[in-house]
Protein backbone atom coordinates (compact mmCIF):
# COMPACT_ATOMS: atom_id res chain seq x y z
CA UNK A 1 0.56 -21.90 3.54
CA UNK A 2 -2.02 -24.45 2.33
CA UNK A 3 -5.75 -23.77 2.60
CA UNK A 4 -9.08 -25.50 2.21
CA UNK A 5 -11.48 -22.96 0.70
CA UNK A 6 -15.26 -23.11 0.79
CA UNK A 7 -17.51 -20.51 -0.78
CA UNK A 8 -21.30 -20.45 -1.02
CA UNK A 9 -23.23 -17.72 -2.84
CA UNK A 10 -27.04 -17.83 -2.81
CA UNK A 11 -29.49 -15.80 -4.88
CA UNK A 12 -33.25 -15.92 -4.20
CA UNK A 13 -35.72 -14.26 -6.57
CA UNK A 14 -39.09 -13.01 -5.32
CA UNK A 15 -40.59 -14.08 -8.62
CA UNK A 16 -39.17 -16.92 -10.69
CA UNK A 17 -36.61 -15.50 -13.10
CA UNK A 18 -36.06 -16.82 -16.59
CA UNK A 19 -33.34 -16.18 -19.15
CA UNK A 20 -30.64 -16.06 -16.48
CA UNK A 21 -27.06 -15.89 -17.77
CA UNK A 22 -24.00 -15.52 -15.57
CA UNK A 23 -20.27 -15.22 -16.05
CA UNK A 24 -18.48 -16.64 -13.00
CA UNK A 25 -14.91 -16.01 -11.87
CA UNK A 26 -14.91 -18.02 -8.64
CA UNK A 27 -12.24 -20.70 -9.16
CA UNK A 28 -8.66 -19.88 -8.11
CA UNK A 29 -5.95 -20.66 -10.66
CA UNK A 30 -2.24 -21.45 -10.57
CA UNK A 31 -0.06 -18.35 -10.50
CA UNK A 32 3.63 -17.68 -9.81
CA UNK A 33 2.91 -17.31 -6.07
CA UNK A 34 0.03 -19.78 -5.85
CA UNK A 35 -0.61 -23.46 -6.56
CA UNK A 36 -4.13 -24.93 -6.79
CA UNK A 37 -4.36 -28.67 -6.18
CA UNK A 38 -8.14 -29.09 -6.21
CA UNK A 39 -11.09 -26.99 -7.37
CA UNK A 40 -14.73 -27.85 -7.93
CA UNK A 41 -17.62 -25.48 -8.61
CA UNK A 42 -21.11 -26.93 -8.06
CA UNK A 43 -24.22 -25.07 -9.20
CA UNK A 44 -27.77 -25.77 -8.06
CA UNK A 45 -30.02 -26.11 -9.93
CA UNK A 46 -27.67 -27.37 -12.64
CA UNK A 47 -27.62 -24.86 -15.52
CA UNK A 48 -28.92 -25.82 -18.94
CA UNK A 49 -25.67 -24.50 -20.43
CA UNK A 50 -22.18 -24.41 -18.94
CA UNK A 51 -18.83 -23.63 -20.57
CA UNK A 52 -15.61 -23.57 -18.56
CA UNK A 53 -12.49 -21.90 -19.87
CA UNK A 54 -9.94 -19.11 -19.41
CA UNK A 55 -10.15 -15.43 -20.23
CA UNK A 56 -7.35 -13.29 -21.67
CA UNK A 57 -5.72 -12.75 -18.27
CA UNK A 58 -5.74 -16.47 -17.44
CA UNK A 59 -8.67 -16.36 -15.02
CA UNK A 60 -10.90 -19.44 -14.78
CA UNK A 61 -14.31 -18.47 -16.20
CA UNK A 62 -17.58 -20.41 -16.19
CA UNK A 63 -20.38 -19.19 -18.48
CA UNK A 64 -23.75 -20.59 -17.33
CA UNK A 65 -27.38 -20.15 -18.41
CA UNK A 66 -30.86 -21.40 -17.49
CA UNK A 67 -33.59 -21.61 -20.10
CA UNK A 68 -36.35 -22.48 -17.59
CA UNK A 69 -37.58 -20.23 -14.75
CA UNK A 70 -35.59 -20.50 -11.50
CA UNK A 71 -36.38 -19.07 -8.06
CA UNK A 72 -33.09 -19.77 -6.30
CA UNK A 73 -29.50 -20.31 -7.47
CA UNK A 74 -26.56 -21.51 -5.38
CA UNK A 75 -22.89 -21.44 -6.37
CA UNK A 76 -20.68 -23.63 -4.15
CA UNK A 77 -16.90 -23.77 -4.48
CA UNK A 78 -14.60 -26.32 -2.85
CA UNK A 79 -10.88 -25.79 -3.45
CA UNK A 80 -7.43 -26.43 -2.04
CA UNK A 81 -4.64 -23.98 -2.71
CA UNK A 82 -1.16 -23.15 -1.50
CA UNK A 83 -0.03 -19.55 -1.23
CA UNK A 84 3.69 -18.94 -1.56
CA UNK A 85 4.68 -15.65 0.06
CA UNK A 86 8.27 -14.48 -0.28
CA UNK A 87 9.63 -11.48 1.65
CA UNK A 88 9.19 -8.22 -0.26
CA UNK A 89 12.72 -6.98 -0.92
CA UNK A 90 13.24 -3.91 -3.08
CA UNK A 91 14.72 -4.75 -6.49
CA UNK A 92 12.85 -2.00 -8.30
CA UNK A 93 14.27 1.05 -10.08
CA UNK A 94 13.62 4.62 -9.07
CA UNK A 95 10.07 5.63 -9.89
CA UNK A 96 11.45 8.17 -12.36
CA UNK A 97 13.17 5.36 -14.27
CA UNK A 98 10.25 2.91 -14.46
CA UNK A 99 9.00 4.18 -17.84
CA UNK A 100 12.29 3.19 -19.45
CA UNK A 101 11.93 -0.35 -18.05
CA UNK A 102 8.50 -0.66 -19.70
CA UNK A 103 9.80 -0.12 -23.23
CA UNK A 104 11.00 -3.69 -23.73
CA UNK A 105 7.94 -5.53 -22.37
CA UNK A 106 5.76 -7.68 -24.63
CA UNK A 107 1.96 -7.70 -24.96
CA UNK A 108 1.19 -11.10 -23.41
CA UNK A 109 -1.52 -11.50 -20.75
CA UNK A 110 0.88 -10.62 -17.92
CA UNK A 111 2.33 -7.59 -19.71
CA UNK A 112 2.30 -4.40 -17.63
CA UNK A 113 1.32 -2.51 -20.79
CA UNK A 114 -2.32 -3.59 -20.30
CA UNK A 115 -2.42 -2.03 -16.82
CA UNK A 116 -0.90 1.38 -17.40
CA UNK A 117 -3.73 3.36 -19.00
CA UNK A 118 -7.24 4.22 -17.85
CA UNK A 119 -9.74 1.35 -18.01
CA UNK A 120 -13.56 1.31 -18.23
CA UNK A 121 -14.14 1.51 -14.47
CA UNK A 122 -11.00 3.46 -13.56
CA UNK A 123 -10.78 6.68 -15.60
CA UNK A 124 -8.20 9.37 -14.94
CA UNK A 125 -9.22 11.53 -11.97
CA UNK A 126 -7.26 14.73 -11.21
CA UNK A 127 -7.94 14.58 -7.46
CA UNK A 128 -6.70 11.01 -7.12
CA UNK A 129 -3.68 11.77 -9.31
CA UNK A 130 -2.73 14.74 -7.13
CA UNK A 131 -3.20 12.68 -3.96
CA UNK A 132 -0.86 9.96 -5.26
CA UNK A 133 1.84 12.45 -6.28
CA UNK A 134 1.73 14.07 -2.84
CA UNK A 135 1.99 10.69 -1.09
CA UNK A 136 5.28 9.64 -2.71
CA UNK A 137 8.55 11.12 -1.37
CA UNK A 138 11.16 12.46 -3.74
CA UNK A 139 13.61 9.86 -5.01
CA UNK A 140 11.38 6.91 -4.09
CA UNK A 141 11.78 3.56 -5.82
CA UNK A 142 8.81 2.08 -7.67
CA UNK A 143 8.22 -0.38 -4.81
CA UNK A 144 8.37 2.41 -2.22
CA UNK A 145 5.87 4.39 -4.30
CA UNK A 146 3.41 1.48 -4.26
CA UNK A 147 3.57 1.21 -0.49
CA UNK A 148 3.43 4.99 -0.01
CA UNK A 149 0.24 5.36 -2.06
CA UNK A 150 -1.42 2.37 -0.38
CA UNK A 151 -0.49 3.56 3.08
CA UNK A 152 -1.64 7.13 2.43
CA UNK A 153 -4.96 5.82 1.13
CA UNK A 154 -5.41 3.61 4.20
CA UNK A 155 -4.93 6.67 6.42
CA UNK A 156 -7.18 8.94 4.37
CA UNK A 157 -10.11 6.55 3.78
CA UNK A 158 -12.65 5.06 6.17
CA UNK A 159 -13.90 1.52 5.59
CA UNK A 160 -17.68 1.82 5.36
CA UNK A 161 -19.81 -0.96 3.83
CA UNK A 162 -22.84 1.35 3.69
CA UNK A 163 -21.13 4.16 1.74
CA UNK A 164 -20.84 2.63 -1.73
CA UNK A 165 -22.09 -0.16 -3.95
CA UNK A 166 -20.54 -2.20 -6.73
CA UNK A 167 -21.24 0.54 -9.28
CA UNK A 168 -19.75 3.49 -7.36
CA UNK A 169 -17.01 5.23 -9.41
CA UNK A 170 -13.58 5.53 -7.74
CA UNK A 171 -13.72 9.35 -7.92
CA UNK A 172 -16.99 9.41 -5.95
CA UNK A 173 -15.70 7.06 -3.24
CA UNK A 174 -12.47 9.05 -2.98
CA UNK A 175 -14.29 12.37 -2.70
CA UNK A 176 -16.34 10.96 0.19
CA UNK A 177 -13.26 9.25 1.71
CA UNK A 178 -15.50 6.24 2.51
CA UNK A 179 -15.79 2.85 0.84
CA UNK A 180 -15.06 -0.87 0.84
CA UNK A 181 -12.15 -2.95 -0.45
CA UNK A 182 -13.27 -2.57 -4.07
CA UNK A 183 -13.12 1.22 -3.69
CA UNK A 184 -9.75 1.19 -1.89
CA UNK A 185 -8.29 -1.00 -4.63
CA UNK A 186 -9.62 0.96 -7.60
CA UNK A 187 -8.62 4.32 -6.10
CA UNK A 188 -5.09 3.02 -5.48
CA UNK A 189 -4.91 1.69 -9.05
CA UNK A 190 -5.92 5.10 -10.42
CA UNK A 191 -3.25 6.77 -8.28
CA UNK A 192 -0.47 4.38 -9.30
CA UNK A 193 -1.29 4.67 -12.99
CA UNK A 194 -1.09 8.46 -12.65
CA UNK A 195 2.48 7.93 -11.41
CA UNK A 196 3.35 5.68 -14.35
CA UNK A 197 3.12 2.44 -12.33
CA UNK A 198 1.14 -0.34 -14.08
CA UNK A 199 -1.51 -1.55 -11.64
CA UNK A 200 -4.35 -4.07 -11.74
CA UNK A 201 -7.29 -5.28 -9.69
CA UNK A 202 -7.10 -8.58 -7.78
CA UNK A 203 -10.15 -10.45 -6.52
CA UNK A 204 -9.77 -13.34 -4.10
CA UNK A 205 -10.10 -14.70 -0.60
CA UNK A 206 -8.70 -13.31 2.63
CA UNK A 207 -8.19 -15.46 5.68
CA UNK A 208 -9.43 -13.66 8.80
CA UNK A 209 -8.58 -14.24 12.45
CA UNK A 210 -11.01 -14.43 15.42
CA UNK A 211 -10.49 -12.12 18.40
CA UNK A 212 -7.94 -13.45 20.93
CA UNK A 213 -9.45 -16.25 22.99
CA UNK A 214 -12.47 -16.64 20.71
CA UNK A 215 -13.20 -19.71 18.55
CA UNK A 216 -13.12 -19.46 14.80
CA UNK A 217 -16.65 -19.17 13.38
CA UNK A 218 -17.72 -20.87 10.15
CA UNK A 219 -18.50 -18.75 7.12
CA UNK A 220 -16.99 -15.47 8.36
CA UNK A 221 -13.95 -15.19 6.11
CA UNK A 222 -14.31 -12.91 3.12
CA UNK A 223 -13.97 -12.35 -0.57
CA UNK A 224 -11.63 -9.41 -0.89
CA UNK A 225 -9.96 -7.06 -3.36
CA UNK A 226 -6.43 -5.70 -3.47
CA UNK A 227 -3.87 -4.34 -5.95
CA UNK A 228 -1.16 -5.85 -8.15
CA UNK A 229 1.55 -3.44 -9.31
CA UNK A 230 4.44 -3.93 -11.72
CA UNK A 231 7.67 -2.42 -10.39
CA UNK A 232 10.22 -3.36 -13.03
CA UNK A 233 11.54 -6.52 -14.72
CA UNK A 234 13.82 -7.53 -11.84
CA UNK A 235 10.95 -7.73 -9.35
CA UNK A 236 7.89 -8.00 -11.56
CA UNK A 237 4.46 -7.92 -9.95
CA UNK A 238 3.90 -7.22 -6.25
CA UNK A 239 0.58 -7.14 -4.38
CA UNK A 240 -0.56 -4.59 -1.80
CA UNK A 241 -3.78 -4.41 0.21
CA UNK A 242 -4.67 -0.74 0.87
CA UNK A 243 -7.73 -1.67 2.93
CA UNK A 244 -5.44 -3.23 5.54
CA UNK A 245 -2.19 -1.35 4.80
CA UNK A 246 -0.08 -4.44 4.12
CA UNK A 247 1.55 -6.50 1.41
CA UNK A 248 -0.68 -9.37 0.30
CA UNK A 249 1.05 -12.37 1.84
CA UNK A 250 0.18 -15.90 2.91
CA UNK A 251 -3.36 -15.00 4.04
CA UNK A 252 -4.43 -14.12 0.48
CA UNK A 253 -5.68 -16.46 -2.26
CA UNK A 254 -6.03 -14.96 -5.75
CA UNK A 255 -9.09 -15.85 -7.81
CA UNK A 256 -8.99 -13.34 -10.68
CA UNK A 257 -6.96 -10.39 -11.93
CA UNK A 258 -7.83 -7.64 -14.40
CA UNK A 259 -7.63 -3.98 -15.24
CA UNK A 260 -10.50 -3.17 -12.86
CA UNK A 261 -13.48 -4.79 -11.14
CA UNK A 262 -15.25 -5.51 -14.43
CA UNK A 263 -12.46 -7.89 -15.49
CA UNK A 264 -12.47 -9.79 -12.19
CA UNK A 265 -16.06 -9.65 -10.90
CA UNK A 266 -16.91 -12.95 -9.15
CA UNK A 267 -20.47 -13.04 -10.57
CA UNK A 268 -22.00 -10.92 -13.29
CA UNK A 269 -24.74 -11.45 -15.80
CA UNK A 270 -28.26 -10.68 -16.88
CA UNK A 271 -31.72 -11.94 -15.91
CA UNK A 272 -35.39 -11.17 -16.47
CA UNK A 273 -37.63 -10.98 -13.43
CA UNK A 274 -40.81 -9.19 -12.34
CA UNK A 275 -39.63 -8.43 -8.79
CA UNK A 276 -36.50 -8.04 -6.68
CA UNK A 277 -34.02 -10.55 -5.32
CA UNK A 278 -31.82 -11.15 -2.28
CA UNK A 279 -28.46 -12.83 -1.84
CA UNK A 280 -26.05 -14.17 0.72
CA UNK A 281 -22.43 -15.29 0.90
CA UNK A 282 -20.37 -17.48 3.23
CA UNK A 283 -16.61 -18.00 2.96
CA UNK A 284 -14.24 -20.30 4.85
CA UNK A 285 -10.47 -20.11 4.37
CA UNK A 286 -9.21 -22.95 6.55
CA UNK A 287 -5.43 -23.37 7.07
CA UNK A 288 -4.14 -26.92 6.57
CA UNK A 289 -0.58 -26.32 7.83
């Protein structure tokens, strides 16, 4: 499925802010299941410094800075991408045999070795580990384990945009059983790693559908987060969305991957300002096929 993607992120500062520096991961990149044919990131006002490149995991990264005071900043992405979604057939080993499959993997950017241990935002949590072990039936394959943990989390958690913020630890969101896609994804990652399944965080775009009989509204699609899991060399990486209890298929466009949210955050940085700020976001994922 081919898509035209439009993203606009606005920040408005109550007092002009100087010394603003941002690290942006907003541009989708080519991946085994995705092909990007066009991508352009416009920034207003134009930054005094801009460097575009790739990080260790292959994500497109733009480092930008303003030396003069600014009161409003807009990031606008225009891109075209094709998502290739193959049926998820089970070629994975038994979960109990996955550790043996890991022994021969290298340490390149796509290596599952980077996604097996605790990471800065996803430490080991006994409650999440116990939940994941309970969710997986005896004798399950690695792929079945991924789906079982994601499905159990979907049933146990309530989507609640008021319950958490970007800094909420996975253990806190899990204890409350409330959160957003970032929380669902990071809790699932913690659970899979406890089972010995390498798992990473995926940030991207999700195409949404209007209610039956209603027109599609502009700007109402979403940036989203889901999980990538490595289930053996024969099958490699698969992607599951625990917020919606489904495999990430043709409606998903990957922007960035990493060990946790910190590696894939769309916008992060530092600024100096005397007062607060507000922000807004609009996303359109428009099918071209």
